[in-house]
Amino acid sequence: MPRAKNKAASHRRRKRILDQAKGFFGARSKVYTIAKNAVDKAMVHSYRDRKLKKRVYRSLWIARINAAARMNDTSYSKLMGALHDKNININRKTLADLAYNNMEAFNEIVKVAMS
């Protein structure tokens, strides 16, 4: 009796990897064995960088808040401490957006926190 190779499943599996490798350069998008390694590495990077993106954005928000706070003669740490002491619960994302797009509102928040 001949050995069953299950060609349909193997073909589907290879096709899925090659579809994921679409847009890669050269053999990375054409040759299954090379594409498999490239896709595995790309998946590792995408998983890791989804976590890293959160850190990068938080540091951007902090830099924006600090720059706007220094325009109001205070620092980031003093401002955040004052907000915490006054129980003003506003997250860094919103605060950075106000500092970037609506400086008047940010200045009011700083005045309330520092008073």
N, C-alpha and C. Protein backbone atom coordinates (compact mmCIF):
# COMPACT_ATOMS: atom_id res chain seq x y z
N MET A 1 0.83 -1.17 0.00
CA MET A 1 0.00 0.00 0.00
C MET A 1 0.89 1.25 0.00
N PRO A 2 0.61 2.21 -0.85
CA PRO A 2 1.47 3.40 -0.93
C PRO A 2 1.29 4.30 0.31
N ARG A 3 2.35 5.04 0.57
CA ARG A 3 2.34 5.96 1.72
C ARG A 3 1.46 7.16 1.41
N ALA A 4 0.62 7.53 2.36
CA ALA A 4 -0.24 8.71 2.18
C ALA A 4 0.55 9.95 2.57
N LYS A 5 0.62 10.93 1.67
CA LYS A 5 1.41 12.13 1.92
C LYS A 5 0.54 13.31 2.32
N ASN A 6 -0.77 13.22 2.12
CA ASN A 6 -1.71 14.30 2.41
C ASN A 6 -1.29 15.59 1.70
N LYS A 7 -1.28 15.50 0.39
CA LYS A 7 -0.82 16.62 -0.43
C LYS A 7 -1.65 17.89 -0.22
N ALA A 8 -2.94 17.74 -0.01
CA ALA A 8 -3.80 18.92 0.13
C ALA A 8 -3.38 19.75 1.35
N ALA A 9 -3.15 19.10 2.47
CA ALA A 9 -2.76 19.81 3.69
C ALA A 9 -1.37 20.42 3.54
N SER A 10 -0.45 19.67 2.94
CA SER A 10 0.92 20.18 2.74
C SER A 10 0.91 21.39 1.83
N HIS A 11 0.12 21.32 0.77
CA HIS A 11 0.03 22.43 -0.17
C HIS A 11 -0.56 23.67 0.50
N ARG A 12 -1.61 23.46 1.30
CA ARG A 12 -2.24 24.57 2.02
C ARG A 12 -1.25 25.23 2.98
N ARG A 13 -0.49 24.38 3.69
CA ARG A 13 0.49 24.89 4.66
C ARG A 13 1.57 25.72 3.97
N ARG A 14 2.08 25.21 2.85
CA ARG A 14 3.12 25.94 2.11
C ARG A 14 2.56 27.23 1.51
N LYS A 15 1.33 27.15 1.00
CA LYS A 15 0.70 28.32 0.41
C LYS A 15 0.49 29.42 1.45
N ARG A 16 0.12 29.02 2.66
CA ARG A 16 -0.11 30.00 3.72
C ARG A 16 1.20 30.74 4.06
N ILE A 17 2.30 30.00 4.13
CA ILE A 17 3.60 30.62 4.43
C ILE A 17 4.01 31.56 3.30
N LEU A 18 3.85 31.11 2.05
CA LEU A 18 4.23 31.95 0.91
C LEU A 18 3.33 33.18 0.80
N ASP A 19 2.07 33.06 1.18
CA ASP A 19 1.18 34.23 1.20
C ASP A 19 1.62 35.24 2.26
N GLN A 20 2.08 34.73 3.41
CA GLN A 20 2.56 35.61 4.46
C GLN A 20 3.86 36.30 4.05
N ALA A 21 4.64 35.65 3.17
CA ALA A 21 5.92 36.20 2.74
C ALA A 21 5.77 37.12 1.53
N LYS A 22 4.53 37.37 1.10
CA LYS A 22 4.31 38.24 -0.06
C LYS A 22 4.87 39.62 0.23
N GLY A 23 5.63 40.15 -0.71
CA GLY A 23 6.24 41.46 -0.54
C GLY A 23 7.67 41.39 -0.04
N PHE A 24 8.12 40.20 0.41
CA PHE A 24 9.51 40.06 0.84
C PHE A 24 10.40 40.06 -0.40
N PHE A 25 11.67 40.35 -0.22
CA PHE A 25 12.61 40.50 -1.33
C PHE A 25 13.14 39.16 -1.82
N GLY A 26 13.15 38.98 -3.13
CA GLY A 26 13.81 37.84 -3.77
C GLY A 26 13.26 36.50 -3.36
N ALA A 27 14.19 35.59 -3.02
CA ALA A 27 13.81 34.22 -2.69
C ALA A 27 12.98 34.14 -1.42
N ARG A 28 13.06 35.17 -0.59
CA ARG A 28 12.28 35.17 0.65
C ARG A 28 10.78 35.12 0.38
N SER A 29 10.36 35.51 -0.81
CA SER A 29 8.93 35.44 -1.12
C SER A 29 8.60 34.32 -2.11
N LYS A 30 9.62 33.62 -2.61
CA LYS A 30 9.38 32.61 -3.65
C LYS A 30 9.69 31.18 -3.21
N VAL A 31 10.77 30.99 -2.47
CA VAL A 31 11.24 29.65 -2.10
C VAL A 31 10.72 29.32 -0.71
N TYR A 32 10.02 28.17 -0.61
CA TYR A 32 9.33 27.85 0.64
C TYR A 32 10.27 27.80 1.83
N THR A 33 11.39 27.10 1.73
CA THR A 33 12.27 26.92 2.89
C THR A 33 12.84 28.25 3.37
N ILE A 34 13.16 29.14 2.45
CA ILE A 34 13.70 30.44 2.82
C ILE A 34 12.57 31.34 3.33
N ALA A 35 11.41 31.26 2.69
CA ALA A 35 10.26 32.05 3.11
C ALA A 35 9.82 31.67 4.52
N LYS A 36 9.89 30.38 4.83
CA LYS A 36 9.49 29.91 6.16
C LYS A 36 10.34 30.57 7.25
N ASN A 37 11.65 30.63 7.04
CA ASN A 37 12.55 31.26 8.01
C ASN A 37 12.27 32.76 8.10
N ALA A 38 12.04 33.39 6.95
CA ALA A 38 11.79 34.84 6.94
C ALA A 38 10.48 35.17 7.66
N VAL A 39 9.45 34.37 7.44
CA VAL A 39 8.16 34.60 8.08
C VAL A 39 8.27 34.37 9.59
N ASP A 40 8.99 33.32 9.99
CA ASP A 40 9.18 33.06 11.42
C ASP A 40 9.85 34.26 12.10
N LYS A 41 10.88 34.77 11.47
CA LYS A 41 11.60 35.91 12.05
C LYS A 41 10.72 37.16 12.06
N ALA A 42 9.96 37.36 10.99
CA ALA A 42 9.06 38.51 10.93
C ALA A 42 8.00 38.44 12.03
N MET A 43 7.49 37.24 12.29
CA MET A 43 6.49 37.08 13.35
C MET A 43 7.08 37.38 14.72
N VAL A 44 8.34 36.97 14.95
CA VAL A 44 9.01 37.27 16.21
C VAL A 44 9.13 38.78 16.39
N HIS A 45 9.56 39.46 15.32
CA HIS A 45 9.71 40.92 15.39
C HIS A 45 8.36 41.59 15.61
N SER A 46 7.32 41.13 14.94
CA SER A 46 6.02 41.79 15.07
C SER A 46 5.46 41.60 16.47
N TYR A 47 5.65 40.44 17.07
CA TYR A 47 5.19 40.21 18.44
C TYR A 47 5.94 41.11 19.41
N ARG A 48 7.27 41.13 19.28
CA ARG A 48 8.10 41.94 20.17
C ARG A 48 7.80 43.43 20.01
N ASP A 49 7.64 43.86 18.78
CA ASP A 49 7.47 45.29 18.53
C ASP A 49 6.09 45.80 18.90
N ARG A 50 5.10 44.92 18.99
CA ARG A 50 3.80 45.36 19.51
C ARG A 50 3.94 45.78 20.97
N LYS A 51 4.80 45.09 21.71
CA LYS A 51 5.06 45.47 23.10
C LYS A 51 5.93 46.73 23.14
N LEU A 52 6.93 46.80 22.28
CA LEU A 52 7.86 47.92 22.25
C LEU A 52 7.16 49.22 21.86
N LYS A 53 6.16 49.12 20.98
CA LYS A 53 5.44 50.30 20.52
C LYS A 53 4.80 51.05 21.69
N LYS A 54 4.29 50.30 22.67
CA LYS A 54 3.67 50.92 23.83
C LYS A 54 4.68 51.73 24.62
N ARG A 55 5.92 51.19 24.75
CA ARG A 55 6.98 51.91 25.46
C ARG A 55 7.39 53.16 24.70
N VAL A 56 7.49 53.04 23.38
CA VAL A 56 7.91 54.17 22.56
C VAL A 56 6.89 55.30 22.65
N TYR A 57 5.61 54.97 22.58
CA TYR A 57 4.58 56.00 22.66
C TYR A 57 4.56 56.66 24.03
N ARG A 58 4.73 55.88 25.07
CA ARG A 58 4.74 56.46 26.42
C ARG A 58 5.89 57.45 26.55
N SER A 59 7.06 57.12 26.04
CA SER A 59 8.19 58.06 26.13
C SER A 59 7.94 59.31 25.29
N LEU A 60 7.25 59.17 24.17
CA LEU A 60 6.88 60.34 23.36
C LEU A 60 5.93 61.24 24.14
N TRP A 61 4.93 60.63 24.79
CA TRP A 61 3.98 61.43 25.58
C TRP A 61 4.70 62.17 26.70
N ILE A 62 5.61 61.48 27.37
CA ILE A 62 6.34 62.10 28.47
C ILE A 62 7.18 63.27 27.96
N ALA A 63 7.83 63.10 26.80
CA ALA A 63 8.63 64.19 26.24
C ALA A 63 7.76 65.39 25.90
N ARG A 64 6.58 65.16 25.35
CA ARG A 64 5.67 66.26 25.01
C ARG A 64 5.16 66.97 26.25
N ILE A 65 4.80 66.20 27.26
CA ILE A 65 4.32 66.80 28.50
C ILE A 65 5.43 67.61 29.16
N ASN A 66 6.63 67.08 29.17
CA ASN A 66 7.76 67.77 29.78
C ASN A 66 8.05 69.08 29.06
N ALA A 67 8.02 69.06 27.74
CA ALA A 67 8.28 70.28 26.97
C ALA A 67 7.22 71.34 27.26
N ALA A 68 5.97 70.93 27.30
CA ALA A 68 4.89 71.89 27.58
C ALA A 68 4.94 72.36 29.03
N ALA A 69 5.31 71.47 29.94
CA ALA A 69 5.39 71.85 31.36
C ALA A 69 6.50 72.88 31.56
N ARG A 70 7.61 72.71 30.89
CA ARG A 70 8.72 73.65 31.03
C ARG A 70 8.37 75.03 30.46
N MET A 71 7.44 75.08 29.52
CA MET A 71 6.96 76.36 29.04
C MET A 71 6.12 77.06 30.12
N ASN A 72 5.64 76.28 31.09
CA ASN A 72 4.88 76.83 32.22
C ASN A 72 5.72 76.88 33.49
N ASP A 73 7.03 76.91 33.36
CA ASP A 73 7.98 77.05 34.48
C ASP A 73 7.87 75.94 35.52
N THR A 74 7.68 74.73 35.05
CA THR A 74 7.72 73.57 35.94
C THR A 74 8.35 72.42 35.16
N SER A 75 8.47 71.27 35.80
CA SER A 75 9.03 70.12 35.11
C SER A 75 7.99 69.01 35.06
N TYR A 76 8.29 67.99 34.30
CA TYR A 76 7.37 66.86 34.15
C TYR A 76 7.10 66.21 35.50
N SER A 77 8.16 65.94 36.25
CA SER A 77 7.99 65.22 37.51
C SER A 77 7.21 66.04 38.52
N LYS A 78 7.47 67.34 38.59
CA LYS A 78 6.73 68.20 39.51
C LYS A 78 5.26 68.27 39.11
N LEU A 79 5.01 68.38 37.81
CA LEU A 79 3.63 68.44 37.32
C LEU A 79 2.88 67.16 37.64
N MET A 80 3.48 66.02 37.36
CA MET A 80 2.80 64.74 37.61
C MET A 80 2.58 64.53 39.10
N GLY A 81 3.55 64.96 39.92
CA GLY A 81 3.37 64.86 41.37
C GLY A 81 2.23 65.74 41.85
N ALA A 82 2.14 66.96 41.30
CA ALA A 82 1.06 67.88 41.68
C ALA A 82 -0.29 67.35 41.24
N LEU A 83 -0.36 66.78 40.03
CA LEU A 83 -1.62 66.19 39.55
C LEU A 83 -2.06 65.05 40.47
N HIS A 84 -1.09 64.25 40.89
CA HIS A 84 -1.39 63.12 41.77
C HIS A 84 -1.88 63.61 43.13
N ASP A 85 -1.22 64.64 43.67
CA ASP A 85 -1.61 65.19 44.97
C ASP A 85 -3.01 65.79 44.95
N LYS A 86 -3.38 66.42 43.84
CA LYS A 86 -4.71 67.04 43.72
C LYS A 86 -5.79 66.05 43.26
N ASN A 87 -5.40 64.79 43.09
CA ASN A 87 -6.31 63.74 42.62
C ASN A 87 -6.92 64.09 41.26
N ILE A 88 -6.12 64.66 40.39
CA ILE A 88 -6.55 64.91 39.02
C ILE A 88 -6.10 63.70 38.20
N ASN A 89 -7.05 62.85 37.87
CA ASN A 89 -6.73 61.61 37.16
C ASN A 89 -6.86 61.83 35.67
N ILE A 90 -5.75 62.19 35.05
CA ILE A 90 -5.72 62.34 33.59
C ILE A 90 -4.50 61.59 33.09
N ASN A 91 -4.71 60.76 32.11
CA ASN A 91 -3.58 59.91 31.68
C ASN A 91 -2.61 60.67 30.79
N ARG A 92 -1.44 60.10 30.61
CA ARG A 92 -0.37 60.76 29.87
C ARG A 92 -0.72 60.98 28.41
N LYS A 93 -1.45 60.03 27.83
CA LYS A 93 -1.84 60.15 26.42
C LYS A 93 -2.70 61.39 26.21
N THR A 94 -3.70 61.57 27.07
CA THR A 94 -4.60 62.71 26.95
C THR A 94 -3.86 64.01 27.25
N LEU A 95 -3.01 63.98 28.27
CA LEU A 95 -2.25 65.17 28.65
C LEU A 95 -1.31 65.59 27.52
N ALA A 96 -0.66 64.62 26.90
CA ALA A 96 0.24 64.92 25.79
C ALA A 96 -0.53 65.46 24.59
N ASP A 97 -1.72 64.92 24.35
CA ASP A 97 -2.54 65.42 23.25
C ASP A 97 -2.97 66.87 23.49
N LEU A 98 -3.32 67.19 24.74
CA LEU A 98 -3.66 68.57 25.07
C LEU A 98 -2.45 69.49 24.89
N ALA A 99 -1.29 69.01 25.32
CA ALA A 99 -0.07 69.82 25.20
C ALA A 99 0.27 70.07 23.74
N TYR A 100 -0.03 69.11 22.90
CA TYR A 100 0.33 69.20 21.48
C TYR A 100 -0.70 70.00 20.69
N ASN A 101 -1.99 69.79 20.97
CA ASN A 101 -3.05 70.37 20.15
C ASN A 101 -3.81 71.54 20.78
N ASN A 102 -3.84 71.59 22.11
CA ASN A 102 -4.65 72.60 22.79
C ASN A 102 -3.88 73.14 23.99
N MET A 103 -2.94 74.02 23.72
CA MET A 103 -2.03 74.52 24.75
C MET A 103 -2.77 75.28 25.85
N GLU A 104 -3.87 75.99 25.51
CA GLU A 104 -4.61 76.75 26.51
C GLU A 104 -5.19 75.82 27.58
N ALA A 105 -5.78 74.74 27.15
CA ALA A 105 -6.36 73.78 28.10
C ALA A 105 -5.27 73.16 28.97
N PHE A 106 -4.13 72.86 28.36
CA PHE A 106 -3.00 72.30 29.13
C PHE A 106 -2.53 73.30 30.17
N ASN A 107 -2.44 74.57 29.78
CA ASN A 107 -2.00 75.61 30.72
C ASN A 107 -2.96 75.72 31.91
N GLU A 108 -4.25 75.58 31.65
CA GLU A 108 -5.24 75.62 32.74
C GLU A 108 -5.06 74.46 33.69
N ILE A 109 -4.80 73.29 33.14
CA ILE A 109 -4.58 72.10 33.98
C ILE A 109 -3.35 72.31 34.85
N VAL A 110 -2.28 72.88 34.27
CA VAL A 110 -1.07 73.14 35.03
C VAL A 110 -1.35 74.14 36.15
N LYS A 111 -2.10 75.20 35.86
CA LYS A 111 -2.43 76.20 36.88
C LYS A 111 -3.20 75.58 38.04
N VAL A 112 -4.18 74.74 37.72
CA VAL A 112 -4.99 74.09 38.77
C VAL A 112 -4.11 73.15 39.60
N ALA A 113 -3.25 72.41 38.92
CA ALA A 113 -2.41 71.43 39.63
C ALA A 113 -1.37 72.11 40.50
N MET A 114 -0.80 73.18 40.04
CA MET A 114 0.30 73.82 40.77
C MET A 114 -0.19 74.81 41.82
N SER A 115 -1.47 75.13 41.83
CA SER A 115 -1.97 76.10 42.81
C SER A 115 -2.22 75.47 44.16
